[in-house]
């Protein structure tokens, strides 16, 4: 089994310290990003009656919001690489507030699509990606735990927003509720202020050295100027000139690494997740309307989301701790596959719940399965590609996933409109997720086998190269020795006693 991918970072993540403050900020940002599109489903029944729309039309509000949140991933990743996580999250919080406040004055369902779906959805995208990325920069050994704690923000926010939204609607209507929720979303700006940059200390020094080198060259145009510039500055200056010569494609590839599409593990993860998201969000969006359809009162229907969120809140950090154990972490891809299949099994059994007690039991198991998937959603991706390529990987994954996220709830709404029953929507979502979990389990088994095989071949190649190098070294040494022997002439043998006697006898005859 292959170990987790190497980080390839130029610094050592602190695995604590200010990182826990970053986790708290990510807790808030991720919580709003995931929980808000689900929590506004409380208003769907009333907005549907207000505008006279169908189930599928009102479902597009959450679908567009979720799709924009995921589809804005590449833009968010580029902005994070360019400006860092802190300013991106603060700007995203402002967009969320502006979008929801504008939605309070909408007069058509199309305007809601734009204000809630596009503007607020893009603001949530600028909150989600940087929050996930910066955790990978602060944590390595404790990363699964940190991810689990940060992801727990979603159920905490959902369990809070679900009854809060019902309370706001009863007192202020859906327009006043949207206005207040817009103000609440501005707290994302505060969360973004906690994202202190890390691992970038060398950049200001580098830029200062480059500027100093350029200034020196301009002031000393003769050849002696080069001698006055420090060697490090000369190398930095030449490196800067080389960077300026790069074309637009190379610079764009620096922000989004398209070579990931040649990565086998990344492609397996991408295909499985695209299939999974076709049935991932629709059950949450339609859970409260389904309860109301069965004749359950509004507060009890909203409380189902709170039950789901409370169980989800416990499941995420618990899953993070389990995933960080020495028994599970090397096999975390299998654990992730099981979580997806377990999630689908819950949806397949949901139509058996025809009363409030059955829906409570379904919400408990659904919250457990949902929390397991969300806790490992990004950890498994980082395990495959490493922290250095994780920013690009998140951006590429989210832009591809947004298509199925966009279509999931409306397809569910179409099934409800066509058959007049919610059970077909739950069966569709469950079947798709079981299929996705099975696909990931089989393909991850294949991927691990191939990694072990490639590792053996690499070691065998290294051993062969090492042996060839050793033989070549011995041959070269022998050739050098023979060459030196030929240059020095024949070696003179020392005279033995016998040869010494013969020499004296010859000398005696010569004298006679």
Protein backbone atom coordinates (compact mmCIF):
# COMPACT_ATOMS: atom_id res chain seq x y z
CA UNK A 1 0.00 0.00 0.00
CA UNK A 2 1.48 3.34 -1.00
CA UNK A 3 2.09 6.00 1.64
CA UNK A 4 0.43 9.39 1.47
CA UNK A 5 1.73 11.65 -1.24
CA UNK A 6 4.65 13.83 -0.37
CA UNK A 7 3.93 17.46 0.34
CA UNK A 8 6.87 18.90 -1.68
CA UNK A 9 6.60 22.09 0.35
CA UNK A 10 9.57 24.40 0.94
CA UNK A 11 8.83 24.53 4.67
CA UNK A 12 7.68 22.25 7.46
CA UNK A 13 3.98 22.70 8.41
CA UNK A 14 3.72 23.60 12.13
CA UNK A 15 0.89 21.08 12.80
CA UNK A 16 -0.51 23.35 15.52
CA UNK A 17 0.03 26.81 16.96
CA UNK A 18 -1.77 29.44 14.91
CA UNK A 19 -2.99 26.59 12.74
CA UNK A 20 -5.81 25.94 15.22
CA UNK A 21 -7.00 29.53 14.75
CA UNK A 22 -6.93 28.86 11.01
CA UNK A 23 -9.02 25.71 11.60
CA UNK A 24 -11.57 27.83 13.48
CA UNK A 25 -11.76 30.30 10.60
CA UNK A 26 -12.13 27.42 8.15
CA UNK A 27 -14.82 25.99 10.43
CA UNK A 28 -16.90 29.14 9.86
CA UNK A 29 -16.18 29.52 6.13
CA UNK A 30 -16.68 25.87 5.23
CA UNK A 31 -19.77 25.74 7.46
CA UNK A 32 -21.49 28.53 5.57
CA UNK A 33 -20.31 27.21 2.18
CA UNK A 34 -21.82 23.76 2.67
CA UNK A 35 -24.76 24.44 5.00
CA UNK A 36 -26.25 27.58 3.51
CA UNK A 37 -27.48 26.10 0.17
CA UNK A 38 -29.21 23.33 2.13
CA UNK A 39 -30.61 25.53 4.90
CA UNK A 40 -32.46 27.88 2.53
CA UNK A 41 -34.56 24.87 1.45
CA UNK A 42 -36.75 25.81 4.44
CA UNK A 43 -38.10 28.72 2.34
CA UNK A 44 -38.70 26.70 -0.85
CA UNK A 45 -42.30 25.69 -0.18
CA UNK A 46 -43.33 29.27 0.54
CA UNK A 47 -41.32 30.76 -2.35
CA UNK A 48 -42.85 28.13 -4.64
CA UNK A 49 -46.34 29.21 -3.61
CA UNK A 50 -45.41 32.91 -3.86
CA UNK A 51 -44.11 32.68 -7.46
CA UNK A 52 -46.32 29.76 -8.53
CA UNK A 53 -43.41 27.56 -9.65
CA UNK A 54 -42.92 23.79 -9.82
CA UNK A 55 -40.62 21.60 -7.67
CA UNK A 56 -37.96 21.42 -10.38
CA UNK A 57 -37.98 25.22 -10.91
CA UNK A 58 -37.53 26.02 -7.22
CA UNK A 59 -34.82 23.34 -6.93
CA UNK A 60 -32.73 25.31 -9.42
CA UNK A 61 -32.05 27.92 -6.71
CA UNK A 62 -29.97 25.51 -4.62
CA UNK A 63 -28.58 23.80 -7.71
CA UNK A 64 -27.25 27.00 -9.24
CA UNK A 65 -25.85 28.07 -5.87
CA UNK A 66 -24.07 24.73 -5.36
CA UNK A 67 -22.88 24.57 -8.98
CA UNK A 68 -21.49 28.12 -8.79
CA UNK A 69 -19.79 27.27 -5.50
CA UNK A 70 -18.06 24.30 -7.08
CA UNK A 71 -17.69 25.76 -10.57
CA UNK A 72 -15.92 28.82 -9.20
CA UNK A 73 -13.20 26.53 -7.83
CA UNK A 74 -10.61 27.18 -10.58
CA UNK A 75 -11.06 30.95 -10.32
CA UNK A 76 -10.76 30.69 -6.55
CA UNK A 77 -7.61 28.57 -6.86
CA UNK A 78 -6.02 31.06 -9.26
CA UNK A 79 -6.84 33.95 -6.91
CA UNK A 80 -5.41 32.04 -3.93
CA UNK A 81 -2.17 31.35 -5.82
CA UNK A 82 -1.97 35.01 -6.78
CA UNK A 83 -3.13 36.84 -3.65
CA UNK A 84 -3.33 34.27 -0.83
CA UNK A 85 -6.28 32.88 1.11
CA UNK A 86 -7.00 35.86 3.39
CA UNK A 87 -8.07 38.54 0.85
CA UNK A 88 -9.96 36.01 -1.27
CA UNK A 89 -12.11 34.85 1.66
CA UNK A 90 -12.82 38.42 2.79
CA UNK A 91 -13.93 39.38 -0.72
CA UNK A 92 -16.06 36.23 -0.91
CA UNK A 93 -17.82 37.14 2.35
CA UNK A 94 -18.72 40.55 0.89
CA UNK A 95 -20.20 38.91 -2.23
CA UNK A 96 -22.29 36.52 -0.10
CA UNK A 97 -23.77 39.39 1.89
CA UNK A 98 -24.47 41.50 -1.19
CA UNK A 99 -26.16 38.60 -3.00
CA UNK A 100 -28.53 37.69 -0.18
CA UNK A 101 -29.44 41.31 0.61
CA UNK A 102 -30.20 41.84 -3.09
CA UNK A 103 -32.33 38.68 -3.10
CA UNK A 104 -34.64 40.27 -0.52
CA UNK A 105 -35.84 42.68 -3.24
CA UNK A 106 -36.31 40.12 -6.07
CA UNK A 107 -39.64 40.07 -7.90
CA UNK A 108 -39.18 36.91 -10.01
CA UNK A 109 -37.65 33.45 -9.74
CA UNK A 110 -35.08 34.40 -12.40
CA UNK A 111 -33.80 37.24 -10.22
CA UNK A 112 -33.45 34.75 -7.34
CA UNK A 113 -31.35 32.53 -9.61
CA UNK A 114 -28.97 35.45 -10.20
CA UNK A 115 -28.78 36.94 -6.70
CA UNK A 116 -28.88 33.77 -4.57
CA UNK A 117 -27.50 31.29 -7.09
CA UNK A 118 -24.78 33.18 -8.93
CA UNK A 119 -23.65 36.09 -6.71
CA UNK A 120 -23.90 34.41 -3.31
CA UNK A 121 -22.81 31.07 -4.79
CA UNK A 122 -19.62 32.60 -6.17
CA UNK A 123 -18.99 34.26 -2.82
CA UNK A 124 -19.23 30.85 -1.16
CA UNK A 125 -16.77 29.47 -3.74
CA UNK A 126 -14.27 32.13 -2.64
CA UNK A 127 -14.79 30.90 0.93
CA UNK A 128 -14.65 27.14 0.39
CA UNK A 129 -11.50 26.61 -1.68
CA UNK A 130 -9.10 28.89 0.27
CA UNK A 131 -10.29 27.41 3.58
CA UNK A 132 -9.54 23.86 2.44
CA UNK A 133 -6.22 24.86 0.84
CA UNK A 134 -4.77 26.72 3.82
CA UNK A 135 -5.37 23.78 6.19
CA UNK A 136 -3.03 21.71 4.02
CA UNK A 137 -0.36 24.41 4.44
CA UNK A 138 -0.59 24.46 8.25
CA UNK A 139 -0.97 20.71 8.91
CA UNK A 140 0.69 17.49 7.75
CA UNK A 141 0.71 14.79 10.44
CA UNK A 142 -2.55 16.03 12.00
CA UNK A 143 -4.14 16.98 8.71
CA UNK A 144 -7.01 14.43 8.81
CA UNK A 145 -7.97 15.66 12.29
CA UNK A 146 -7.75 19.32 11.22
CA UNK A 147 -9.85 18.62 8.12
CA UNK A 148 -12.41 16.75 10.21
CA UNK A 149 -12.73 19.64 12.67
CA UNK A 150 -13.01 22.22 9.91
CA UNK A 151 -15.58 20.17 8.02
CA UNK A 152 -17.62 19.92 11.22
CA UNK A 153 -18.56 23.54 10.58
CA UNK A 154 -21.12 22.41 8.00
CA UNK A 155 -23.35 20.39 10.38
CA UNK A 156 -22.97 22.98 13.14
CA UNK A 157 -24.15 25.72 10.78
CA UNK A 158 -26.90 23.52 9.36
CA UNK A 159 -28.25 22.59 12.78
CA UNK A 160 -28.24 26.30 13.68
CA UNK A 161 -29.55 27.74 10.42
CA UNK A 162 -32.43 25.27 9.95
CA UNK A 163 -34.46 26.33 13.03
CA UNK A 164 -33.19 29.91 12.72
CA UNK A 165 -34.53 30.17 9.17
CA UNK A 166 -37.92 28.87 10.28
CA UNK A 167 -37.97 31.41 13.11
CA UNK A 168 -36.97 34.25 10.77
CA UNK A 169 -39.63 33.25 8.25
CA UNK A 170 -42.38 33.18 10.87
CA UNK A 171 -41.44 36.68 12.08
CA UNK A 172 -40.10 38.49 9.02
CA UNK A 173 -41.19 36.49 5.96
CA UNK A 174 -38.78 35.17 3.35
CA UNK A 175 -37.74 38.66 2.17
CA UNK A 176 -36.81 39.88 5.65
CA UNK A 177 -35.11 36.55 6.36
CA UNK A 178 -32.90 36.90 3.27
CA UNK A 179 -31.92 40.42 4.34
CA UNK A 180 -30.89 39.22 7.82
CA UNK A 181 -29.07 36.18 6.42
CA UNK A 182 -27.06 38.48 4.17
CA UNK A 183 -25.83 40.34 7.22
CA UNK A 184 -24.98 37.05 8.96
CA UNK A 185 -22.90 35.91 5.98
CA UNK A 186 -20.63 38.93 6.41
CA UNK A 187 -19.05 37.01 9.28
CA UNK A 188 -17.09 35.14 6.60
CA UNK A 189 -14.94 38.28 6.33
CA UNK A 190 -13.98 37.89 9.99
CA UNK A 191 -13.11 34.23 9.41
CA UNK A 192 -10.91 35.17 6.46
CA UNK A 193 -8.94 37.60 8.63
CA UNK A 194 -7.64 34.59 10.61
CA UNK A 195 -5.96 33.07 7.54
CA UNK A 196 -2.45 34.35 8.17
CA UNK A 197 -0.08 33.50 5.28
CA UNK A 198 2.54 30.82 5.90
CA UNK A 199 5.58 29.64 3.97
CA UNK A 200 5.89 32.87 1.99
CA UNK A 201 8.61 34.56 3.99
CA UNK A 202 11.19 34.09 1.25
CA UNK A 203 9.20 35.97 -1.38
CA UNK A 204 9.71 39.53 -0.04
CA UNK A 205 13.45 38.88 0.30
CA UNK A 206 13.59 37.55 -3.22
CA UNK A 207 11.68 40.52 -4.65
CA UNK A 208 13.88 42.95 -2.72
CA UNK A 209 17.03 41.28 -4.03
CA UNK A 210 15.74 41.43 -7.59
CA UNK A 211 14.83 45.11 -7.30
CA UNK A 212 18.22 45.91 -5.80
CA UNK A 213 19.98 44.05 -8.62
CA UNK A 214 17.99 45.90 -11.29
CA UNK A 215 18.71 49.23 -9.64
CA UNK A 216 22.43 48.51 -9.49
CA UNK A 217 22.55 47.55 -13.15
CA UNK A 218 20.74 50.72 -14.17
CA UNK A 219 23.02 52.97 -12.12
CA UNK A 220 26.21 51.24 -13.35
CA UNK A 221 25.78 50.60 -17.07
CA UNK A 222 29.42 49.58 -17.61
CA UNK A 223 30.84 46.10 -17.18
CA UNK A 224 31.97 46.76 -13.63
CA UNK A 225 28.32 46.84 -12.58
CA UNK A 226 28.09 43.10 -12.87
CA UNK A 227 30.96 42.71 -10.45
CA UNK A 228 29.22 44.92 -7.89
CA UNK A 229 26.01 42.85 -7.94
CA UNK A 230 26.03 39.92 -5.49
CA UNK A 231 26.04 36.48 -7.16
CA UNK A 232 22.68 35.57 -5.57
CA UNK A 233 21.12 38.74 -6.93
CA UNK A 234 22.55 38.03 -10.39
CA UNK A 235 20.99 34.57 -10.36
CA UNK A 236 17.67 35.99 -9.15
CA UNK A 237 17.79 38.67 -11.84
CA UNK A 238 18.47 36.14 -14.57
CA UNK A 239 15.74 33.92 -13.15
CA UNK A 240 13.30 36.84 -13.26
CA UNK A 241 14.15 37.51 -16.89
CA UNK A 242 13.56 33.87 -17.71
CA UNK A 243 10.17 34.02 -16.01
CA UNK A 244 9.22 37.09 -18.04
CA UNK A 245 9.95 35.16 -21.23
CA UNK A 246 7.34 32.50 -20.44
CA UNK A 247 4.22 32.58 -22.58
CA UNK A 248 0.65 32.83 -21.33
CA UNK A 249 0.04 29.07 -21.42
CA UNK A 250 2.96 28.33 -19.12
CA UNK A 251 1.89 31.03 -16.67
CA UNK A 252 -1.69 29.76 -16.68
CA UNK A 253 -0.46 26.19 -16.11
CA UNK A 254 1.39 27.48 -13.06
CA UNK A 255 -1.94 28.33 -11.45
CA UNK A 256 -3.84 25.25 -12.72
CA UNK A 257 -1.72 22.14 -13.22
CA UNK A 258 -3.39 20.39 -16.17
CA UNK A 259 -0.82 17.60 -15.99
CA UNK A 260 -3.03 16.18 -13.23
CA UNK A 261 -5.23 14.74 -15.96
CA UNK A 262 -2.37 12.28 -16.60
CA UNK A 263 -2.43 11.24 -12.92
CA UNK A 264 -4.18 7.85 -12.64
CA UNK A 265 -5.33 8.28 -9.03
CA UNK A 266 -6.65 11.78 -9.74
CA UNK A 267 -8.72 10.56 -12.69
CA UNK A 268 -10.22 7.71 -10.63
CA UNK A 269 -11.14 10.17 -7.87
CA UNK A 270 -12.62 12.62 -10.38
CA UNK A 271 -14.82 10.07 -12.18
CA UNK A 272 -16.11 8.59 -8.92
CA UNK A 273 -16.93 11.99 -7.44
CA UNK A 274 -18.66 13.26 -10.58
CA UNK A 275 -20.93 10.22 -10.41
CA UNK A 276 -21.44 10.57 -6.65
CA UNK A 277 -22.55 14.22 -6.77
CA UNK A 278 -25.41 13.31 -9.06
CA UNK A 279 -27.19 12.03 -5.95
CA UNK A 280 -25.34 13.71 -3.10
CA UNK A 281 -27.25 16.94 -2.39
CA UNK A 282 -30.78 16.23 -3.64
CA UNK A 283 -31.88 14.21 -0.55
CA UNK A 284 -30.96 17.08 1.78
CA UNK A 285 -32.67 19.67 -0.41
CA UNK A 286 -35.93 17.67 -0.46
CA UNK A 287 -35.89 16.22 3.06
CA UNK A 288 -37.91 19.02 4.69
CA UNK A 289 -40.39 19.30 1.76
CA UNK A 290 -40.82 15.51 1.87
CA UNK A 291 -41.71 15.66 5.55
CA UNK A 292 -44.24 18.44 4.87
CA UNK A 293 -45.64 16.34 2.02
CA UNK A 294 -46.32 13.54 4.53
CA UNK A 295 -48.30 15.97 6.70
CA UNK A 296 -45.62 16.75 9.29
CA UNK A 297 -45.67 20.28 10.70
CA UNK A 298 -43.10 22.85 9.62
CA UNK A 299 -40.99 22.98 12.80
CA UNK A 300 -40.78 19.18 13.01
CA UNK A 301 -39.74 19.06 9.34
CA UNK A 302 -37.03 21.65 9.98
CA UNK A 303 -35.92 19.70 13.06
CA UNK A 304 -35.08 16.74 10.80
CA UNK A 305 -32.29 18.84 9.29
CA UNK A 306 -31.10 19.67 12.80
CA UNK A 307 -31.00 15.98 13.73
CA UNK A 308 -29.05 15.23 10.55
CA UNK A 309 -26.67 18.10 11.30
CA UNK A 310 -26.05 17.09 14.93
CA UNK A 311 -25.13 13.53 13.92
CA UNK A 312 -23.05 14.93 11.06
CA UNK A 313 -21.28 17.23 13.54
CA UNK A 314 -20.18 14.25 15.63
CA UNK A 315 -19.37 12.05 12.64
CA UNK A 316 -16.92 14.41 10.93
CA UNK A 317 -14.26 14.82 13.66
CA UNK A 318 -14.71 11.19 14.66
CA UNK A 319 -14.10 10.14 11.07
CA UNK A 320 -11.06 12.41 10.96
CA UNK A 321 -9.59 10.70 14.04
CA UNK A 322 -10.28 7.23 12.62
CA UNK A 323 -8.82 8.20 9.23
CA UNK A 324 -5.67 9.48 10.95
CA UNK A 325 -5.02 6.13 12.66
CA UNK A 326 -2.15 3.94 11.48
CA UNK A 327 -4.57 1.19 10.44
CA UNK A 328 -6.87 3.30 8.26
CA UNK A 329 -4.72 6.09 6.83
CA UNK A 330 -2.73 3.86 4.41
CA UNK A 331 -6.11 2.52 3.18
CA UNK A 332 -8.10 5.76 3.38
CA UNK A 333 -9.31 5.44 -0.23
CA UNK A 334 -11.14 2.22 0.68
CA UNK A 335 -12.70 3.91 3.71
CA UNK A 336 -13.91 6.75 1.49
CA UNK A 337 -15.43 4.29 -1.00
CA UNK A 338 -17.30 2.51 1.78
CA UNK A 339 -18.68 5.82 3.08
CA UNK A 340 -20.15 6.69 -0.31
CA UNK A 341 -21.78 3.27 -0.70
CA UNK A 342 -23.16 3.49 2.86
CA UNK A 343 -24.63 6.89 2.01
CA UNK A 344 -26.39 5.43 -1.02
CA UNK A 345 -27.77 2.52 1.00
CA UNK A 346 -29.45 4.99 3.38
CA UNK A 347 -31.27 6.68 0.47
CA UNK A 348 -32.43 3.35 -0.94
CA UNK A 349 -34.05 2.52 2.42
CA UNK A 350 -35.61 5.98 2.91
CA UNK A 351 -38.91 5.18 1.07
CA UNK A 352 -39.62 2.62 3.81
CA UNK A 353 -39.99 5.54 6.26
CA UNK A 354 -43.63 6.62 6.04
CA UNK A 355 -43.89 8.42 9.40
CA UNK A 356 -41.99 10.89 11.49
CA UNK A 357 -40.20 8.18 13.52
CA UNK A 358 -38.94 6.54 10.34
CA UNK A 359 -37.69 9.90 9.03
CA UNK A 360 -35.84 10.55 12.30
CA UNK A 361 -34.06 7.17 11.98
CA UNK A 362 -33.25 7.95 8.35
CA UNK A 363 -31.89 11.38 9.32
CA UNK A 364 -29.59 9.81 11.95
CA UNK A 365 -28.05 7.29 9.54
CA UNK A 366 -27.98 9.84 6.71
CA UNK A 367 -26.14 12.32 8.97
CA UNK A 368 -23.59 9.65 9.89
CA UNK A 369 -22.95 8.67 6.26
CA UNK A 370 -22.92 12.27 5.05
CA UNK A 371 -20.40 13.27 7.73
CA UNK A 372 -18.10 10.38 6.83
CA UNK A 373 -18.04 11.39 3.17
CA UNK A 374 -17.51 15.10 3.82
CA UNK A 375 -14.73 14.52 6.36
CA UNK A 376 -12.66 12.61 3.81
CA UNK A 377 -13.73 14.40 0.62
CA UNK A 378 -10.61 16.57 0.36
CA UNK A 379 -8.30 14.48 2.53
CA UNK A 380 -8.43 11.63 0.01
CA UNK A 381 -7.63 14.04 -2.83
CA UNK A 382 -4.62 15.43 -0.95
CA UNK A 383 -3.52 11.87 -0.18
CA UNK A 384 -3.42 11.19 -3.93
CA UNK A 385 -1.79 14.34 -5.34
CA UNK A 386 0.11 15.86 -2.38
CA UNK A 387 -0.16 19.31 -0.81
CA UNK A 388 1.92 21.07 -3.47
CA UNK A 389 -0.53 20.19 -6.29
CA UNK A 390 -3.63 20.24 -4.11
CA UNK A 391 -4.61 23.82 -4.99
CA UNK A 392 -4.79 23.01 -8.70
CA UNK A 393 -6.44 19.66 -8.01
CA UNK A 394 -9.27 21.25 -6.01
CA UNK A 395 -9.90 23.80 -8.75
CA UNK A 396 -10.01 21.21 -11.52
CA UNK A 397 -12.18 18.81 -9.53
CA UNK A 398 -14.77 21.41 -8.59
CA UNK A 399 -15.17 22.78 -12.12
CA UNK A 400 -15.89 19.26 -13.44
CA UNK A 401 -18.14 18.32 -10.52
CA UNK A 402 -20.31 21.42 -10.86
CA UNK A 403 -22.12 19.89 -13.87
CA UNK A 404 -23.58 16.97 -11.90
CA UNK A 405 -24.11 19.18 -8.83
CA UNK A 406 -26.15 21.52 -11.02
CA UNK A 407 -28.26 18.70 -12.47
CA UNK A 408 -28.77 16.56 -9.33
CA UNK A 409 -31.58 18.42 -7.50
CA UNK A 410 -33.49 19.45 -10.67
CA UNK A 411 -33.49 15.83 -11.88
CA UNK A 412 -34.87 14.85 -8.48
CA UNK A 413 -37.49 17.58 -8.74
CA UNK A 414 -38.45 16.39 -12.22
CA UNK A 415 -38.98 12.86 -10.88
CA UNK A 416 -41.21 14.28 -8.14
CA UNK A 417 -43.22 16.33 -10.65
CA UNK A 418 -43.56 13.35 -13.01
CA UNK A 419 -44.59 10.62 -10.54
CA UNK A 420 -46.00 12.77 -7.76
CA UNK A 421 -43.95 10.80 -5.22
CA UNK A 422 -40.62 11.45 -3.51
CA UNK A 423 -39.52 7.82 -3.30
CA UNK A 424 -38.26 7.70 -6.89
CA UNK A 425 -35.96 10.62 -6.20
CA UNK A 426 -34.45 8.84 -3.16
CA UNK A 427 -34.08 5.56 -5.09
CA UNK A 428 -32.29 7.36 -7.94
CA UNK A 429 -29.87 9.08 -5.55
CA UNK A 430 -29.19 5.88 -3.62
CA UNK A 431 -28.52 3.79 -6.74
CA UNK A 432 -26.12 6.39 -8.15
CA UNK A 433 -24.13 6.64 -4.92
CA UNK A 434 -23.87 2.87 -4.45
CA UNK A 435 -22.58 2.64 -8.01
CA UNK A 436 -20.03 5.43 -7.34
CA UNK A 437 -18.78 3.77 -4.15
CA UNK A 438 -18.40 0.41 -5.89
CA UNK A 439 -16.52 2.01 -8.78
CA UNK A 440 -14.10 3.80 -6.45
CA UNK A 441 -13.47 0.67 -4.40
CA UNK A 442 -12.60 -1.44 -7.45
CA UNK A 443 -10.52 1.21 -9.18
CA UNK A 444 -8.63 2.15 -6.02
CA UNK A 445 -7.75 -1.52 -5.56
CA UNK A 446 -6.40 -1.52 -9.12
CA UNK A 447 -4.55 1.75 -8.51
CA UNK A 448 -2.87 0.45 -5.36
CA UNK A 449 -1.80 -2.74 -7.15
CA UNK A 450 -0.31 -0.70 -9.98
CA UNK A 451 1.52 1.57 -7.53
CA UNK A 452 3.10 -1.43 -5.80
CA UNK A 453 4.10 -2.88 -9.18
CA UNK A 454 5.59 0.43 -10.34
CA UNK A 455 7.48 0.80 -7.09
CA UNK A 456 9.02 -2.66 -7.51
CA UNK A 457 10.00 -1.89 -11.10
CA UNK A 458 11.54 1.40 -10.02
CA UNK A 459 13.61 -0.28 -7.32
CA UNK A 460 14.70 -3.00 -9.76
CA UNK A 461 15.74 -0.35 -12.27
CA UNK A 462 17.70 1.53 -9.63
CA UNK A 463 19.48 -1.67 -8.57
CA UNK A 464 20.35 -2.47 -12.20
CA UNK A 465 21.66 1.02 -12.78
CA UNK A 466 23.68 0.85 -9.59
CA UNK A 467 25.23 -2.50 -10.62
CA UNK A 468 26.01 -1.22 -14.12
CA UNK A 469 27.61 1.86 -12.66
CA UNK A 470 29.74 -0.27 -10.32
CA UNK A 471 30.91 -2.51 -13.19
CA UNK A 472 31.65 0.52 -15.36
CA UNK A 473 33.68 2.09 -12.56
CA UNK A 474 35.77 -1.07 -12.11
CA UNK A 475 36.38 -1.30 -15.88
CA UNK A 476 37.46 2.34 -16.05
CA UNK A 477 39.84 1.85 -13.13
CA UNK A 478 41.37 -1.20 -14.86
CA UNK A 479 41.85 0.70 -18.10
CA UNK A 480 43.55 3.55 -16.28
CA UNK A 481 45.91 1.14 -14.52
CA UNK A 482 46.85 -0.59 -17.81
CA UNK A 483 47.44 2.76 -19.50
CA UNK A 484 49.77 3.92 -16.75
CA UNK A 485 51.68 0.64 -16.94
CA UNK A 486 52.26 1.07 -20.69
CA UNK A 487 53.47 4.64 -20.22
CA UNK A 488 56.00 3.69 -17.51
CA UNK A 489 57.60 0.86 -19.61
CA UNK A 490 58.39 -2.69 -18.47
CA UNK A 491 58.63 -3.14 -14.79
CA UNK A 492 62.22 -3.79 -13.52
CA UNK A 493 62.48 -7.06 -11.58
CA UNK A 494 64.62 -7.10 -8.43
CA UNK A 495 67.77 -9.30 -8.74
CA UNK A 496 67.61 -12.60 -6.96
CA UNK A 497 70.67 -14.30 -5.42
CA UNK A 498 70.98 -16.70 -8.39
CA UNK A 499 70.94 -13.91 -10.94
CA UNK A 500 73.41 -11.94 -8.87
CA UNK A 501 75.89 -14.90 -9.02
CA UNK A 502 75.62 -15.24 -12.77
CA UNK A 503 76.28 -11.57 -13.13
CA UNK A 504 79.49 -11.81 -11.11
CA UNK A 505 80.65 -14.83 -13.16
CA UNK A 506 80.14 -13.00 -16.41
CA UNK A 507 82.02 -9.98 -15.07
CA UNK A 508 84.95 -12.25 -14.05
CA UNK A 509 85.24 -13.76 -17.55
CA UNK A 510 85.14 -10.33 -19.02
CA UNK A 511 88.08 -9.20 -16.93
CA UNK A 512 90.21 -12.24 -18.02
